[in-house]
């Protein structure tokens, strides 16, 4: 299985103004942020899909407190990327 492991740096919002809500449910914001030395380690692993009824993309996480469904922003961003680029077949 192919895997990619990266560090996802944390940030501190020095200024954040929520200006409104977009039609897609996200917010329009204005802000200043600074990356800091703390980070999460993220590993993406490609696994074969077995059977026609199996979901094409799934998310698993070692932290049981984090959602792994459509509430997870990383998964939503991945679906938006796949839709925009046509690579989610």
PDB file of N, CA and C in Angstrom:
ATOM      1  N   UNK A   1       0.834  -1.182   0.000  1.00  0.00           N
ATOM      2  CA  UNK A   1       0.000   0.000   0.000  1.00  0.00           C
ATOM      3  C   UNK A   1       0.883   1.252   0.000  1.00  0.00           C
ATOM      4  N   UNK A   2       0.522   2.214  -0.825  1.00  0.00           N
ATOM      5  CA  UNK A   2       1.260   3.469  -0.895  1.00  0.00           C
ATOM      6  C   UNK A   2       0.826   4.371   0.251  1.00  0.00           C
ATOM      7  N   UNK A   3       1.813   4.991   0.923  1.00  0.00           N
ATOM      8  CA  UNK A   3       1.524   5.894   2.033  1.00  0.00           C
ATOM      9  C   UNK A   3       2.330   7.175   1.904  1.00  0.00           C
ATOM     10  N   UNK A   4       1.803   8.232   2.478  1.00  0.00           N
ATOM     11  CA  UNK A   4       2.477   9.514   2.550  1.00  0.00           C
ATOM     12  C   UNK A   4       2.280  10.038   3.963  1.00  0.00           C
ATOM     13  N   UNK A   5       3.374  10.378   4.641  1.00  0.00           N
ATOM     14  CA  UNK A   5       3.293  10.939   5.987  1.00  0.00           C
ATOM     15  C   UNK A   5       3.871  12.345   5.950  1.00  0.00           C
ATOM     16  N   UNK A   6       3.107  13.301   6.474  1.00  0.00           N
ATOM     17  CA  UNK A   6       3.540  14.697   6.496  1.00  0.00           C
ATOM     18  C   UNK A   6       3.252  15.297   7.862  1.00  0.00           C
ATOM     19  N   UNK A   7       3.921  16.409   8.161  1.00  0.00           N
ATOM     20  CA  UNK A   7       3.633  17.188   9.363  1.00  0.00           C
ATOM     21  C   UNK A   7       2.691  18.314   8.962  1.00  0.00           C
ATOM     22  N   UNK A   8       1.658  18.515   9.745  1.00  0.00           N
ATOM     23  CA  UNK A   8       0.700  19.598   9.517  1.00  0.00           C
ATOM     24  C   UNK A   8       0.892  20.610  10.634  1.00  0.00           C
ATOM     25  N   UNK A   9       1.582  21.729  10.341  1.00  0.00           N
ATOM     26  CA  UNK A   9       1.892  22.678  11.409  1.00  0.00           C
ATOM     27  C   UNK A   9       0.658  23.364  11.973  1.00  0.00           C
ATOM     28  N   UNK A  10       0.727  23.656  13.256  1.00  0.00           N
ATOM     29  CA  UNK A  10      -0.342  24.406  13.916  1.00  0.00           C
ATOM     30  C   UNK A  10      -0.162  25.886  13.617  1.00  0.00           C
ATOM     31  N   UNK A  11      -1.193  26.655  13.912  1.00  0.00           N
ATOM     32  CA  UNK A  11      -1.128  28.099  13.727  1.00  0.00           C
ATOM     33  C   UNK A  11      -1.849  28.776  14.880  1.00  0.00           C
ATOM     34  N   UNK A  12      -1.499  30.023  15.076  1.00  0.00           N
ATOM     35  CA  UNK A  12      -2.185  30.866  16.050  1.00  0.00           C
ATOM     36  C   UNK A  12      -2.824  32.003  15.269  1.00  0.00           C
ATOM     37  N   UNK A  13      -4.101  32.239  15.537  1.00  0.00           N
ATOM     38  CA  UNK A  13      -4.773  33.380  14.926  1.00  0.00           C
ATOM     39  C   UNK A  13      -4.441  34.622  15.746  1.00  0.00           C
ATOM     40  N   UNK A  14      -3.680  35.538  15.143  1.00  0.00           N
ATOM     41  CA  UNK A  14      -3.361  36.795  15.812  1.00  0.00           C
ATOM     42  C   UNK A  14      -4.533  37.767  15.703  1.00  0.00           C
ATOM     43  N   UNK A  15      -5.291  37.620  14.628  1.00  0.00           N
ATOM     44  CA  UNK A  15      -6.498  38.412  14.394  1.00  0.00           C
ATOM     45  C   UNK A  15      -7.430  37.564  13.549  1.00  0.00           C
ATOM     46  N   UNK A  16      -8.707  37.538  13.892  1.00  0.00           N
ATOM     47  CA  UNK A  16      -9.679  36.767  13.119  1.00  0.00           C
ATOM     48  C   UNK A  16     -11.022  37.479  13.175  1.00  0.00           C
ATOM     49  N   UNK A  17     -11.524  37.821  11.999  1.00  0.00           N
ATOM     50  CA  UNK A  17     -12.827  38.463  11.890  1.00  0.00           C
ATOM     51  C   UNK A  17     -13.704  37.606  10.992  1.00  0.00           C
ATOM     52  N   UNK A  18     -14.797  37.087  11.531  1.00  0.00           N
ATOM     53  CA  UNK A  18     -15.745  36.313  10.733  1.00  0.00           C
ATOM     54  C   UNK A  18     -16.690  37.314  10.092  1.00  0.00           C
ATOM     55  N   UNK A  19     -16.640  37.395   8.758  1.00  0.00           N
ATOM     56  CA  UNK A  19     -17.342  38.449   8.041  1.00  0.00           C
ATOM     57  C   UNK A  19     -18.724  38.035   7.557  1.00  0.00           C
ATOM     58  N   UNK A  20     -18.981  36.756   7.464  1.00  0.00           N
ATOM     59  CA  UNK A  20     -20.284  36.304   7.009  1.00  0.00           C
ATOM     60  C   UNK A  20     -20.253  34.837   6.653  1.00  0.00           C
ATOM     61  N   UNK A  21     -21.409  34.306   6.337  1.00  0.00           N
ATOM     62  CA  UNK A  21     -21.529  32.891   5.973  1.00  0.00           C
ATOM     63  C   UNK A  21     -21.766  32.785   4.473  1.00  0.00           C
ATOM     64  N   UNK A  22     -21.047  31.855   3.841  1.00  0.00           N
ATOM     65  CA  UNK A  22     -21.201  31.608   2.416  1.00  0.00           C
ATOM     66  C   UNK A  22     -22.341  30.627   2.194  1.00  0.00           C
ATOM     67  N   UNK A  23     -22.836  30.536   0.956  1.00  0.00           N
ATOM     68  CA  UNK A  23     -23.926  29.593   0.665  1.00  0.00           C
ATOM     69  C   UNK A  23     -23.565  28.129   0.937  1.00  0.00           C
ATOM     70  N   UNK A  24     -22.259  27.784   0.878  1.00  0.00           N
ATOM     71  CA  UNK A  24     -21.842  26.397   1.111  1.00  0.00           C
ATOM     72  C   UNK A  24     -21.682  26.070   2.594  1.00  0.00           C
ATOM     73  N   UNK A  25     -21.994  27.022   3.483  1.00  0.00           N
ATOM     74  CA  UNK A  25     -21.926  26.765   4.917  1.00  0.00           C
ATOM     75  C   UNK A  25     -20.625  27.201   5.560  1.00  0.00           C
ATOM     76  N   UNK A  26     -19.577  27.440   4.764  1.00  0.00           N
ATOM     77  CA  UNK A  26     -18.325  27.949   5.314  1.00  0.00           C
ATOM     78  C   UNK A  26     -18.461  29.443   5.575  1.00  0.00           C
ATOM     79  N   UNK A  27     -17.483  30.029   6.262  1.00  0.00           N
ATOM     80  CA  UNK A  27     -17.520  31.453   6.576  1.00  0.00           C
ATOM     81  C   UNK A  27     -16.474  32.213   5.770  1.00  0.00           C
ATOM     82  N   UNK A  28     -16.789  33.444   5.432  1.00  0.00           N
ATOM     83  CA  UNK A  28     -15.817  34.364   4.875  1.00  0.00           C
ATOM     84  C   UNK A  28     -15.099  34.996   6.058  1.00  0.00           C
ATOM     85  N   UNK A  29     -13.757  34.954   6.021  1.00  0.00           N
ATOM     86  CA  UNK A  29     -12.994  35.474   7.154  1.00  0.00           C
ATOM     87  C   UNK A  29     -11.903  36.416   6.673  1.00  0.00           C
ATOM     88  N   UNK A  30     -11.444  37.228   7.586  1.00  0.00           N
ATOM     89  CA  UNK A  30     -10.269  38.061   7.393  1.00  0.00           C
ATOM     90  C   UNK A  30      -9.409  37.828   8.624  1.00  0.00           C
ATOM     91  N   UNK A  31      -8.115  37.630   8.423  1.00  0.00           N
ATOM     92  CA  UNK A  31      -7.309  37.356   9.594  1.00  0.00           C
ATOM     93  C   UNK A  31      -5.824  37.387   9.330  1.00  0.00           C
ATOM     94  N   UNK A  32      -5.086  37.336  10.418  1.00  0.00           N
ATOM     95  CA  UNK A  32      -3.631  37.216  10.384  1.00  0.00           C
ATOM     96  C   UNK A  32      -3.281  36.026  11.256  1.00  0.00           C
ATOM     97  N   UNK A  33      -2.486  35.109  10.711  1.00  0.00           N
ATOM     98  CA  UNK A  33      -2.110  33.919  11.469  1.00  0.00           C
ATOM     99  C   UNK A  33      -0.610  33.702  11.407  1.00  0.00           C
ATOM    100  N   UNK A  34      -0.103  32.973  12.376  1.00  0.00           N
ATOM    101  CA  UNK A  34       1.315  32.658  12.453  1.00  0.00           C
ATOM    102  C   UNK A  34       1.480  31.171  12.706  1.00  0.00           C
ATOM    103  N   UNK A  35       2.266  30.507  11.865  1.00  0.00           N
ATOM    104  CA  UNK A  35       2.583  29.098  12.085  1.00  0.00           C
ATOM    105  C   UNK A  35       3.483  28.979  13.316  1.00  0.00           C
ATOM    106  N   UNK A  36       3.325  27.890  14.057  1.00  0.00           N
ATOM    107  CA  UNK A  36       4.162  27.639  15.228  1.00  0.00           C
ATOM    108  C   UNK A  36       4.774  26.246  15.106  1.00  0.00           C
ATOM    109  N   UNK A  37       5.656  25.899  16.032  1.00  0.00           N
ATOM    110  CA  UNK A  37       6.414  24.657  15.907  1.00  0.00           C
ATOM    111  C   UNK A  37       5.622  23.393  16.247  1.00  0.00           C
ATOM    112  N   UNK A  38       4.460  23.504  16.888  1.00  0.00           N
ATOM    113  CA  UNK A  38       3.633  22.327  17.148  1.00  0.00           C
ATOM    114  C   UNK A  38       3.057  21.818  15.845  1.00  0.00           C
ATOM    115  N   UNK A  39       2.857  20.507  15.759  1.00  0.00           N
ATOM    116  CA  UNK A  39       2.274  19.969  14.529  1.00  0.00           C
ATOM    117  C   UNK A  39       1.608  18.623  14.802  1.00  0.00           C
ATOM    118  N   UNK A  40       0.707  18.267  13.895  1.00  0.00           N
ATOM    119  CA  UNK A  40       0.137  16.928  13.853  1.00  0.00           C
ATOM    120  C   UNK A  40       0.905  16.148  12.792  1.00  0.00           C
ATOM    121  N   UNK A  41       0.978  14.854  12.950  1.00  0.00           N
ATOM    122  CA  UNK A  41       1.531  13.996  11.919  1.00  0.00           C
ATOM    123  C   UNK A  41       0.361  13.322  11.220  1.00  0.00           C
ATOM    124  N   UNK A  42       0.293  13.508   9.913  1.00  0.00           N
ATOM    125  CA  UNK A  42      -0.813  12.979   9.117  1.00  0.00           C
ATOM    126  C   UNK A  42      -0.257  11.935   8.157  1.00  0.00           C
ATOM    127  N   UNK A  43      -0.870  10.759   8.156  1.00  0.00           N
ATOM    128  CA  UNK A  43      -0.477   9.705   7.227  1.00  0.00           C
ATOM    129  C   UNK A  43      -1.662   9.374   6.342  1.00  0.00           C
ATOM    130  N   UNK A  44      -1.453   9.464   5.037  1.00  0.00           N
ATOM    131  CA  UNK A  44      -2.453   9.080   4.054  1.00  0.00           C
ATOM    132  C   UNK A  44      -2.024   7.754   3.451  1.00  0.00           C
ATOM    133  N   UNK A  45      -2.927   6.786   3.436  1.00  0.00           N
ATOM    134  CA  UNK A  45      -2.614   5.458   2.915  1.00  0.00           C
ATOM    135  C   UNK A  45      -3.672   5.041   1.910  1.00  0.00           C
ATOM    136  N   UNK A  46      -3.232   4.638   0.739  1.00  0.00           N
ATOM    137  CA  UNK A  46      -4.143   4.105  -0.265  1.00  0.00           C
ATOM    138  C   UNK A  46      -4.384   2.632   0.031  1.00  0.00           C
ATOM    139  N   UNK A  47      -5.641   2.258   0.077  1.00  0.00           N
ATOM    140  CA  UNK A  47      -6.001   0.862   0.301  1.00  0.00           C
ATOM    141  C   UNK A  47      -6.949   0.433  -0.808  1.00  0.00           C
ATOM    142  N   UNK A  48      -6.888  -0.812  -1.216  1.00  0.00           N
ATOM    143  CA  UNK A  48      -7.780  -1.258  -2.285  1.00  0.00           C
ATOM    144  C   UNK A  48      -9.239  -1.261  -1.844  1.00  0.00           C
ATOM    145  N   UNK A  49     -10.106  -0.941  -2.787  1.00  0.00           N
ATOM    146  CA  UNK A  49     -11.548  -0.996  -2.552  1.00  0.00           C
ATOM    147  C   UNK A  49     -12.005  -2.402  -2.897  1.00  0.00           C
ATOM    148  N   UNK A  50     -12.726  -3.049  -1.980  1.00  0.00           N
ATOM    149  CA  UNK A  50     -13.179  -4.417  -2.200  1.00  0.00           C
ATOM    150  C   UNK A  50     -14.687  -4.413  -2.356  1.00  0.00           C
ATOM    151  N   UNK A  51     -15.159  -4.884  -3.486  1.00  0.00           N
ATOM    152  CA  UNK A  51     -16.594  -4.960  -3.732  1.00  0.00           C
ATOM    153  C   UNK A  51     -17.162  -3.660  -4.259  1.00  0.00           C
ATOM    154  N   UNK A  52     -18.206  -3.756  -5.035  1.00  0.00           N
ATOM    155  CA  UNK A  52     -18.810  -2.581  -5.650  1.00  0.00           C
ATOM    156  C   UNK A  52     -19.545  -1.708  -4.643  1.00  0.00           C
ATOM    157  N   UNK A  53     -19.977  -2.265  -3.519  1.00  0.00           N
ATOM    158  CA  UNK A  53     -20.722  -1.498  -2.526  1.00  0.00           C
ATOM    159  C   UNK A  53     -19.812  -0.774  -1.537  1.00  0.00           C
ATOM    160  N   UNK A  54     -18.506  -1.059  -1.583  1.00  0.00           N
ATOM    161  CA  UNK A  54     -17.582  -0.426  -0.642  1.00  0.00           C
ATOM    162  C   UNK A  54     -17.454   1.061  -0.965  1.00  0.00           C
ATOM    163  N   UNK A  55     -17.368   1.922   0.054  1.00  0.00           N
ATOM    164  CA  UNK A  55     -17.185   3.351  -0.221  1.00  0.00           C
ATOM    165  C   UNK A  55     -15.842   3.606  -0.889  1.00  0.00           C
ATOM    166  N   UNK A  56     -15.817   4.556  -1.793  1.00  0.00           N
ATOM    167  CA  UNK A  56     -14.588   4.858  -2.535  1.00  0.00           C
ATOM    168  C   UNK A  56     -13.531   5.497  -1.625  1.00  0.00           C
ATOM    169  N   UNK A  57     -13.966   6.354  -0.711  1.00  0.00           N
ATOM    170  CA  UNK A  57     -13.048   7.029   0.202  1.00  0.00           C
ATOM    171  C   UNK A  57     -13.576   6.917   1.628  1.00  0.00           C
ATOM    172  N   UNK A  58     -12.689   6.610   2.531  1.00  0.00           N
ATOM    173  CA  UNK A  58     -13.052   6.575   3.943  1.00  0.00           C
ATOM    174  C   UNK A  58     -11.954   7.273   4.741  1.00  0.00           C
ATOM    175  N   UNK A  59     -12.262   7.631   5.950  1.00  0.00           N
ATOM    176  CA  UNK A  59     -11.309   8.283   6.833  1.00  0.00           C
ATOM    177  C   UNK A  59     -11.279   7.522   8.139  1.00  0.00           C
ATOM    178  N   UNK A  60     -10.088   7.197   8.600  1.00  0.00           N
ATOM    179  CA  UNK A  60      -9.920   6.603   9.923  1.00  0.00           C
ATOM    180  C   UNK A  60      -8.968   7.496  10.704  1.00  0.00           C
ATOM    181  N   UNK A  61      -9.060   7.429  12.015  1.00  0.00           N
ATOM    182  CA  UNK A  61      -8.234   8.288  12.862  1.00  0.00           C
ATOM    183  C   UNK A  61      -7.944   7.556  14.169  1.00  0.00           C
ATOM    184  N   UNK A  62      -6.745   7.746  14.688  1.00  0.00           N
ATOM    185  CA  UNK A  62      -6.380   7.111  15.950  1.00  0.00           C
ATOM    186  C   UNK A  62      -6.993   7.819  17.154  1.00  0.00           C
ATOM    187  N   UNK A  63      -7.524   9.030  16.947  1.00  0.00           N
ATOM    188  CA  UNK A  63      -8.182   9.770  18.024  1.00  0.00           C
ATOM    189  C   UNK A  63      -9.690   9.564  17.899  1.00  0.00           C
ATOM    190  N   UNK A  64     -10.310   8.828  18.811  1.00  0.00           N
ATOM    191  CA  UNK A  64     -11.745   8.540  18.700  1.00  0.00           C
ATOM    192  C   UNK A  64     -12.639   9.763  18.883  1.00  0.00           C
ATOM    193  N   UNK A  65     -12.075  10.878  19.351  1.00  0.00           N
ATOM    194  CA  UNK A  65     -12.866  12.097  19.534  1.00  0.00           C
ATOM    195  C   UNK A  65     -13.075  12.872  18.236  1.00  0.00           C
ATOM    196  N   UNK A  66     -12.303  12.549  17.203  1.00  0.00           N
ATOM    197  CA  UNK A  66     -12.423  13.268  15.936  1.00  0.00           C
ATOM    198  C   UNK A  66     -13.424  12.562  15.020  1.00  0.00           C
ATOM    199  N   UNK A  67     -14.282  13.338  14.344  1.00  0.00           N
ATOM    200  CA  UNK A  67     -15.249  12.709  13.436  1.00  0.00           C
ATOM    201  C   UNK A  67     -14.553  12.159  12.195  1.00  0.00           C
ATOM    202  N   UNK A  68     -15.060  11.076  11.685  1.00  0.00           N
ATOM    203  CA  UNK A  68     -14.507  10.473  10.469  1.00  0.00           C
ATOM    204  C   UNK A  68     -15.556  10.433   9.356  1.00  0.00           C
ATOM    205  N   UNK A  69     -16.621  11.208   9.533  1.00  0.00           N
ATOM    206  CA  UNK A  69     -17.685  11.267   8.524  1.00  0.00           C
ATOM    207  C   UNK A  69     -17.670  12.644   7.858  1.00  0.00           C
ATOM    208  N   UNK A  70     -18.774  13.053   7.296  1.00  0.00           N
ATOM    209  CA  UNK A  70     -18.874  14.318   6.593  1.00  0.00           C
ATOM    210  C   UNK A  70     -18.695  15.541   7.468  1.00  0.00           C
ATOM    211  N   UNK A  71     -18.611  15.368   8.779  1.00  0.00           N
ATOM    212  CA  UNK A  71     -18.346  16.493   9.679  1.00  0.00           C
ATOM    213  C   UNK A  71     -16.858  16.847   9.703  1.00  0.00           C
ATOM    214  N   UNK A  72     -15.998  15.964   9.215  1.00  0.00           N
ATOM    215  CA  UNK A  72     -14.560  16.179   9.241  1.00  0.00           C
ATOM    216  C   UNK A  72     -14.166  17.091   8.085  1.00  0.00           C
ATOM    217  N   UNK A  73     -13.563  18.238   8.405  1.00  0.00           N
ATOM    218  CA  UNK A  73     -13.207  19.212   7.374  1.00  0.00           C
ATOM    219  C   UNK A  73     -12.143  18.689   6.417  1.00  0.00           C
ATOM    220  N   UNK A  74     -11.230  17.859   6.879  1.00  0.00           N
ATOM    221  CA  UNK A  74     -10.213  17.303   5.984  1.00  0.00           C
ATOM    222  C   UNK A  74     -10.868  16.415   4.920  1.00  0.00           C
ATOM    223  N   UNK A  75     -11.827  15.607   5.324  1.00  0.00           N
ATOM    224  CA  UNK A  75     -12.523  14.741   4.372  1.00  0.00           C
ATOM    225  C   UNK A  75     -13.366  15.577   3.416  1.00  0.00           C
ATOM    226  N   UNK A  76     -14.039  16.604   3.944  1.00  0.00           N
ATOM    227  CA  UNK A  76     -14.822  17.484   3.076  1.00  0.00           C
ATOM    228  C   UNK A  76     -13.928  18.196   2.069  1.00  0.00           C
ATOM    229  N   UNK A  77     -12.739  18.625   2.501  1.00  0.00           N
ATOM    230  CA  UNK A  77     -11.794  19.274   1.591  1.00  0.00           C
ATOM    231  C   UNK A  77     -11.326  18.302   0.517  1.00  0.00           C
ATOM    232  N   UNK A  78     -11.085  17.055   0.899  1.00  0.00           N
ATOM    233  CA  UNK A  78     -10.667  16.043  -0.086  1.00  0.00           C
ATOM    234  C   UNK A  78     -11.762  15.828  -1.126  1.00  0.00           C
ATOM    235  N   UNK A  79     -13.016  15.713  -0.684  1.00  0.00           N
ATOM    236  CA  UNK A  79     -14.118  15.539  -1.639  1.00  0.00           C
ATOM    237  C   UNK A  79     -14.240  16.745  -2.552  1.00  0.00           C
ATOM    238  N   UNK A  80     -14.083  17.956  -2.015  1.00  0.00           N
ATOM    239  CA  UNK A  80     -14.149  19.167  -2.844  1.00  0.00           C
ATOM    240  C   UNK A  80     -13.025  19.172  -3.872  1.00  0.00           C
ATOM    241  N   UNK A  81     -11.819  18.750  -3.453  1.00  0.00           N
ATOM    242  CA  UNK A  81     -10.687  18.664  -4.381  1.00  0.00           C
ATOM    243  C   UNK A  81     -10.973  17.663  -5.485  1.00  0.00           C
ATOM    244  N   UNK A  82     -11.452  16.470  -5.120  1.00  0.00           N
ATOM    245  CA  UNK A  82     -11.744  15.444  -6.113  1.00  0.00           C
ATOM    246  C   UNK A  82     -12.812  15.920  -7.101  1.00  0.00           C
ATOM    247  N   UNK A  83     -13.843  16.581  -6.583  1.00  0.00           N
ATOM    248  CA  UNK A  83     -14.907  17.091  -7.452  1.00  0.00           C
ATOM    249  C   UNK A  83     -14.372  18.168  -8.394  1.00  0.00           C
ATOM    250  N   UNK A  84     -13.574  19.085  -7.875  1.00  0.00           N
ATOM    251  CA  UNK A  84     -13.064  20.196  -8.681  1.00  0.00           C
ATOM    252  C   UNK A  84     -12.079  19.746  -9.747  1.00  0.00           C
ATOM    253  N   UNK A  85     -11.321  18.694  -9.447  1.00  0.00           N
ATOM    254  CA  UNK A  85     -10.291  18.243 -10.383  1.00  0.00           C
ATOM    255  C   UNK A  85     -10.722  17.058 -11.224  1.00  0.00           C
ATOM    256  N   UNK A  86     -11.877  16.499 -10.908  1.00  0.00           N
ATOM    257  CA  UNK A  86     -12.338  15.329 -11.651  1.00  0.00           C
ATOM    258  C   UNK A  86     -11.531  14.083 -11.371  1.00  0.00           C
ATOM    259  N   UNK A  87     -10.827  14.049 -10.232  1.00  0.00           N
ATOM    260  CA  UNK A  87      -9.973  12.898  -9.921  1.00  0.00           C
ATOM    261  C   UNK A  87     -10.614  11.926  -8.952  1.00  0.00           C
ATOM    262  N   UNK A  88     -11.871  12.137  -8.608  1.00  0.00           N
ATOM    263  CA  UNK A  88     -12.513  11.287  -7.608  1.00  0.00           C
ATOM    264  C   UNK A  88     -13.247  10.094  -8.162  1.00  0.00           C
ATOM    265  N   UNK A  89     -12.917   9.676  -9.366  1.00  0.00           N
ATOM    266  CA  UNK A  89     -13.643   8.539  -9.974  1.00  0.00           C
ATOM    267  C   UNK A  89     -13.394   7.279  -9.212  1.00  0.00           C
TER     268      UNK A  89
END
